[in-house]
């Protein structure tokens, strides 16, 4: 993760509009345990492109991890409204086991609540 972060940071410096490098940078920060820095980077990326499902989904997990359930729910709703949920499965591979379980449990209980 540190090497990926360094490479992604260089790519962001070379092209500040490169969204993929920003996401890669945020993923590396998350893997290194720098959750707040990853969250800030994703918020910045989201301010530039508020309709990007990969950014919204990553940010939703970080909000849930922080205990900000309402914010996490709102972000997940945006992903669903946009209709691009294909990003969710690949992102689950990036999440640590405990966070993957948090997201799955949260989504399962929200789905049950909606069905009721």
Protein backbone atom coordinates (compact mmCIF):
# COMPACT_ATOMS: atom_id res chain seq x y z
CA UNK A 1 0.00 0.00 0.00
CA UNK A 2 2.76 2.56 0.70
CA UNK A 3 4.26 2.03 -2.76
CA UNK A 4 0.84 2.30 -4.40
CA UNK A 5 0.19 5.49 -2.45
CA UNK A 6 3.51 7.01 -3.58
CA UNK A 7 2.86 6.11 -7.21
CA UNK A 8 -0.72 7.41 -7.10
CA UNK A 9 0.45 10.63 -5.44
CA UNK A 10 2.96 11.22 -8.23
CA UNK A 11 0.25 10.58 -10.82
CA UNK A 12 -2.05 13.07 -9.08
CA UNK A 13 0.74 15.66 -9.07
CA UNK A 14 1.30 15.12 -12.79
CA UNK A 15 -2.40 15.42 -13.61
CA UNK A 16 -4.56 16.99 -10.91
CA UNK A 17 -7.72 16.12 -12.84
CA UNK A 18 -6.94 12.37 -12.90
CA UNK A 19 -9.80 10.90 -10.91
CA UNK A 20 -8.58 7.30 -11.12
CA UNK A 21 -5.29 8.25 -9.46
CA UNK A 22 -7.15 10.06 -6.68
CA UNK A 23 -9.29 6.98 -6.05
CA UNK A 24 -6.19 4.76 -6.07
CA UNK A 25 -4.53 7.15 -3.63
CA UNK A 26 -7.58 7.04 -1.33
CA UNK A 27 -7.66 3.23 -1.50
CA UNK A 28 -3.98 3.05 -0.54
CA UNK A 29 -4.52 5.47 2.35
CA UNK A 30 -7.44 3.33 3.54
CA UNK A 31 -5.30 0.17 3.36
CA UNK A 32 -2.57 1.90 5.40
CA UNK A 33 -5.12 2.82 8.09
CA UNK A 34 -5.21 6.53 7.23
CA UNK A 35 -9.00 6.57 7.05
CA UNK A 36 -9.51 10.27 7.70
CA UNK A 37 -7.02 11.25 4.98
CA UNK A 38 -8.73 8.85 2.55
CA UNK A 39 -12.10 10.37 3.45
CA UNK A 40 -10.84 13.92 2.80
CA UNK A 41 -9.39 12.89 -0.56
CA UNK A 42 -12.68 11.25 -1.56
CA UNK A 43 -14.64 14.33 -0.48
CA UNK A 44 -12.40 16.45 -2.70
CA UNK A 45 -12.91 14.05 -5.62
CA UNK A 46 -16.66 14.08 -4.96
CA UNK A 47 -16.77 17.88 -5.06
CA UNK A 48 -15.36 17.71 -8.60
CA UNK A 49 -17.72 14.97 -9.77
CA UNK A 50 -20.73 14.42 -7.45
CA UNK A 51 -22.24 11.64 -9.57
CA UNK A 52 -19.39 9.09 -9.49
CA UNK A 53 -20.57 5.84 -7.93
CA UNK A 54 -17.06 4.50 -7.10
CA UNK A 55 -16.34 7.60 -5.04
CA UNK A 56 -19.77 7.61 -3.40
CA UNK A 57 -19.55 3.92 -2.44
CA UNK A 58 -16.08 4.27 -0.92
CA UNK A 59 -17.15 7.36 0.97
CA UNK A 60 -20.29 5.57 2.22
CA UNK A 61 -18.13 2.89 3.85
CA UNK A 62 -15.90 5.45 5.49
CA UNK A 63 -18.94 7.32 6.82
CA UNK A 64 -20.40 4.07 8.21
CA UNK A 65 -17.02 3.22 9.73
CA UNK A 66 -17.07 6.59 11.50
CA UNK A 67 -20.55 5.84 12.84
CA UNK A 68 -22.23 8.35 10.53
CA UNK A 69 -25.07 6.03 9.53
CA UNK A 70 -27.33 8.72 8.07
CA UNK A 71 -24.55 10.08 5.84
CA UNK A 72 -23.60 6.56 4.74
CA UNK A 73 -27.23 5.81 3.88
CA UNK A 74 -27.56 8.99 1.84
CA UNK A 75 -24.45 8.15 -0.15
CA UNK A 76 -25.64 4.60 -0.82
CA UNK A 77 -29.01 5.98 -1.95
CA UNK A 78 -27.18 8.22 -4.44
CA UNK A 79 -25.31 5.22 -5.83
CA UNK A 80 -28.60 3.39 -6.31
CA UNK A 81 -30.31 6.44 -7.88
CA UNK A 82 -27.44 6.88 -10.32
CA UNK A 83 -27.95 3.25 -11.29
CA UNK A 84 -24.27 2.32 -11.44
CA UNK A 85 -24.00 -0.30 -8.71
CA UNK A 86 -21.47 -2.32 -10.69
CA UNK A 87 -18.72 -0.63 -8.69
CA UNK A 88 -19.83 -2.21 -5.42
CA UNK A 89 -18.43 -5.72 -5.91
CA UNK A 90 -14.91 -4.64 -6.95
CA UNK A 91 -14.82 -2.18 -4.06
CA UNK A 92 -15.73 -4.94 -1.61
CA UNK A 93 -12.43 -6.61 -2.57
CA UNK A 94 -10.57 -3.49 -1.43
CA UNK A 95 -12.33 -3.28 1.94
CA UNK A 96 -10.79 -4.98 4.94
CA UNK A 97 -12.75 -7.98 6.25
CA UNK A 98 -14.26 -6.10 9.20
CA UNK A 99 -15.38 -3.23 6.96
CA UNK A 100 -16.75 -5.58 4.33
CA UNK A 101 -18.82 -7.22 7.06
CA UNK A 102 -19.96 -3.79 8.31
CA UNK A 103 -21.13 -2.77 4.83
CA UNK A 104 -22.84 -6.10 4.14
CA UNK A 105 -24.61 -6.12 7.51
CA UNK A 106 -25.68 -2.51 7.15
CA UNK A 107 -27.05 -3.03 3.64
CA UNK A 108 -28.81 -6.24 4.69
CA UNK A 109 -30.58 -4.57 7.61
CA UNK A 110 -31.51 -1.54 5.52
CA UNK A 111 -32.98 -3.82 2.86
CA UNK A 112 -35.01 -5.69 5.48
CA UNK A 113 -36.29 -2.41 6.88
CA UNK A 114 -37.35 -1.26 3.41
CA UNK A 115 -39.09 -4.57 2.72
CA UNK A 116 -41.02 -4.37 5.98
